[in-house]
């Protein structure tokens, strides 16, 4: 999935990720599963800022 590549450029709000990647093939639940999988592999991390959820690449 292109998600990790996109997060290498800049953090994204979870809402933006859903808007960008949601399709007939991937719904919000699928995207959350992918985000959590990448987080469990220590590739990305979830950040809460101003009551919004962001995802960013771990350096």
N, C-alpha and C. Protein backbone atom coordinates (compact mmCIF):
# COMPACT_ATOMS: atom_id res chain seq x y z
N UNK A 1 0.85 -1.19 0.00
CA UNK A 1 0.00 0.00 0.00
C UNK A 1 0.88 1.24 0.00
N UNK A 2 0.43 2.27 -0.62
CA UNK A 2 1.17 3.52 -0.74
C UNK A 2 1.16 4.33 0.54
N UNK A 3 0.42 3.89 1.51
CA UNK A 3 0.25 4.65 2.75
C UNK A 3 1.57 4.97 3.42
N UNK A 4 2.42 3.98 3.60
CA UNK A 4 3.71 4.20 4.27
C UNK A 4 4.57 5.18 3.48
N UNK A 5 4.54 5.08 2.16
CA UNK A 5 5.33 5.98 1.31
C UNK A 5 4.84 7.41 1.49
N UNK A 6 3.53 7.60 1.55
CA UNK A 6 2.98 8.94 1.74
C UNK A 6 3.36 9.50 3.10
N UNK A 7 3.33 8.66 4.14
CA UNK A 7 3.66 9.12 5.48
C UNK A 7 5.15 9.44 5.62
N UNK A 8 5.98 8.93 4.72
CA UNK A 8 7.40 9.29 4.74
C UNK A 8 7.58 10.77 4.44
N UNK A 9 6.69 11.34 3.65
CA UNK A 9 6.78 12.75 3.28
C UNK A 9 6.32 13.67 4.40
N UNK A 10 5.19 13.36 5.01
CA UNK A 10 4.67 14.20 6.09
C UNK A 10 3.58 13.46 6.86
N UNK A 11 3.38 13.82 8.14
CA UNK A 11 2.29 13.21 8.91
C UNK A 11 0.95 13.56 8.27
N UNK A 12 -0.01 12.69 8.46
CA UNK A 12 -1.36 12.93 7.93
C UNK A 12 -2.39 12.71 9.03
N UNK A 13 -3.44 13.55 8.99
CA UNK A 13 -4.56 13.32 9.89
C UNK A 13 -5.26 12.03 9.47
N UNK A 14 -5.75 11.31 10.44
CA UNK A 14 -6.45 10.06 10.16
C UNK A 14 -7.61 10.31 9.19
N UNK A 15 -8.31 11.41 9.39
CA UNK A 15 -9.42 11.78 8.50
C UNK A 15 -8.95 11.95 7.05
N UNK A 16 -7.78 12.57 6.87
CA UNK A 16 -7.21 12.73 5.52
C UNK A 16 -6.88 11.38 4.90
N UNK A 17 -6.36 10.48 5.71
CA UNK A 17 -6.03 9.14 5.21
C UNK A 17 -7.29 8.45 4.71
N UNK A 18 -8.36 8.54 5.50
CA UNK A 18 -9.62 7.92 5.09
C UNK A 18 -10.12 8.53 3.78
N UNK A 19 -10.07 9.85 3.68
CA UNK A 19 -10.54 10.53 2.46
C UNK A 19 -9.69 10.14 1.25
N UNK A 20 -8.39 10.03 1.45
CA UNK A 20 -7.48 9.75 0.35
C UNK A 20 -7.55 8.30 -0.12
N UNK A 21 -7.64 7.37 0.81
CA UNK A 21 -7.49 5.96 0.47
C UNK A 21 -8.79 5.15 0.47
N UNK A 22 -9.88 5.71 0.99
CA UNK A 22 -11.14 4.95 1.00
C UNK A 22 -11.64 4.73 -0.43
N UNK A 23 -12.04 3.51 -0.68
CA UNK A 23 -12.54 3.14 -2.00
C UNK A 23 -13.40 1.90 -1.83
N UNK A 24 -13.82 1.34 -2.93
CA UNK A 24 -14.57 0.09 -2.85
C UNK A 24 -13.69 -1.04 -2.33
N UNK A 25 -12.40 -0.93 -2.59
CA UNK A 25 -11.46 -1.97 -2.17
C UNK A 25 -11.05 -1.81 -0.70
N UNK A 26 -10.89 -0.57 -0.24
CA UNK A 26 -10.45 -0.31 1.14
C UNK A 26 -11.45 0.61 1.83
N UNK A 27 -12.00 0.14 2.95
CA UNK A 27 -12.87 1.01 3.74
C UNK A 27 -12.11 1.48 4.98
N UNK A 28 -12.76 2.28 5.82
CA UNK A 28 -12.08 2.83 6.99
C UNK A 28 -11.55 1.73 7.91
N UNK A 29 -12.30 0.67 8.06
CA UNK A 29 -11.87 -0.44 8.92
C UNK A 29 -10.60 -1.09 8.38
N UNK A 30 -10.54 -1.30 7.07
CA UNK A 30 -9.34 -1.86 6.44
C UNK A 30 -8.14 -0.94 6.65
N UNK A 31 -8.38 0.36 6.48
CA UNK A 31 -7.30 1.33 6.64
C UNK A 31 -6.80 1.37 8.08
N UNK A 32 -7.72 1.32 9.05
CA UNK A 32 -7.31 1.29 10.45
C UNK A 32 -6.50 0.04 10.76
N UNK A 33 -6.90 -1.07 10.19
CA UNK A 33 -6.16 -2.32 10.38
C UNK A 33 -4.74 -2.16 9.84
N UNK A 34 -4.61 -1.59 8.65
CA UNK A 34 -3.29 -1.38 8.05
C UNK A 34 -2.45 -0.40 8.89
N UNK A 35 -3.07 0.68 9.36
CA UNK A 35 -2.35 1.65 10.20
C UNK A 35 -1.87 0.98 11.48
N UNK A 36 -2.74 0.22 12.12
CA UNK A 36 -2.36 -0.46 13.36
C UNK A 36 -1.30 -1.53 13.13
N UNK A 37 -1.35 -2.19 12.00
CA UNK A 37 -0.32 -3.18 11.66
C UNK A 37 1.03 -2.50 11.49
N UNK A 38 1.06 -1.40 10.75
CA UNK A 38 2.32 -0.66 10.57
C UNK A 38 2.82 -0.12 11.91
N UNK A 39 1.91 0.30 12.78
CA UNK A 39 2.31 0.80 14.10
C UNK A 39 2.88 -0.34 14.95
N UNK A 40 2.28 -1.52 14.89
CA UNK A 40 2.79 -2.65 15.67
C UNK A 40 4.15 -3.12 15.17
N UNK A 41 4.47 -2.82 13.91
CA UNK A 41 5.78 -3.14 13.34
C UNK A 41 6.78 -2.01 13.57
N UNK A 42 6.37 -1.00 14.36
CA UNK A 42 7.21 0.17 14.66
C UNK A 42 7.66 0.91 13.40
N UNK A 43 6.79 0.97 12.41
CA UNK A 43 7.08 1.71 11.18
C UNK A 43 6.44 3.10 11.20
N UNK A 44 5.28 3.20 11.84
CA UNK A 44 4.59 4.47 11.99
C UNK A 44 4.10 4.59 13.42
N UNK A 45 3.70 5.80 13.81
CA UNK A 45 3.11 5.95 15.14
C UNK A 45 1.93 6.91 15.08
N UNK A 46 1.05 6.71 16.03
CA UNK A 46 -0.17 7.51 16.17
C UNK A 46 0.14 8.66 17.13
N UNK A 47 -0.24 9.87 16.74
CA UNK A 47 -0.01 11.05 17.57
C UNK A 47 -1.34 11.79 17.70
N UNK A 48 -1.71 12.13 18.93
CA UNK A 48 -2.91 12.92 19.17
C UNK A 48 -2.45 14.36 19.40
N UNK A 49 -2.98 15.28 18.60
CA UNK A 49 -2.62 16.69 18.70
C UNK A 49 -3.88 17.52 18.47
N UNK A 50 -4.19 18.40 19.41
CA UNK A 50 -5.41 19.23 19.32
C UNK A 50 -6.66 18.38 19.05
N UNK A 51 -6.78 17.29 19.77
CA UNK A 51 -7.94 16.39 19.64
C UNK A 51 -8.09 15.78 18.26
N UNK A 52 -7.02 15.73 17.49
CA UNK A 52 -7.04 15.09 16.18
C UNK A 52 -5.98 13.99 16.16
N UNK A 53 -6.27 12.93 15.45
CA UNK A 53 -5.35 11.81 15.34
C UNK A 53 -4.51 11.96 14.07
N UNK A 54 -3.20 11.93 14.25
CA UNK A 54 -2.25 11.98 13.14
C UNK A 54 -1.46 10.68 13.12
N UNK A 55 -0.97 10.31 11.96
CA UNK A 55 -0.08 9.17 11.81
C UNK A 55 1.19 9.67 11.16
N UNK A 56 2.34 9.25 11.68
CA UNK A 56 3.61 9.69 11.10
C UNK A 56 4.61 8.55 11.11
N UNK A 57 5.58 8.68 10.25
CA UNK A 57 6.64 7.69 10.14
C UNK A 57 7.54 7.78 11.35
N UNK A 58 8.00 6.65 11.86
CA UNK A 58 8.97 6.65 12.95
C UNK A 58 10.35 6.76 12.34
N UNK A 59 11.12 7.71 12.85
CA UNK A 59 12.48 7.93 12.31
C UNK A 59 13.44 6.87 12.77
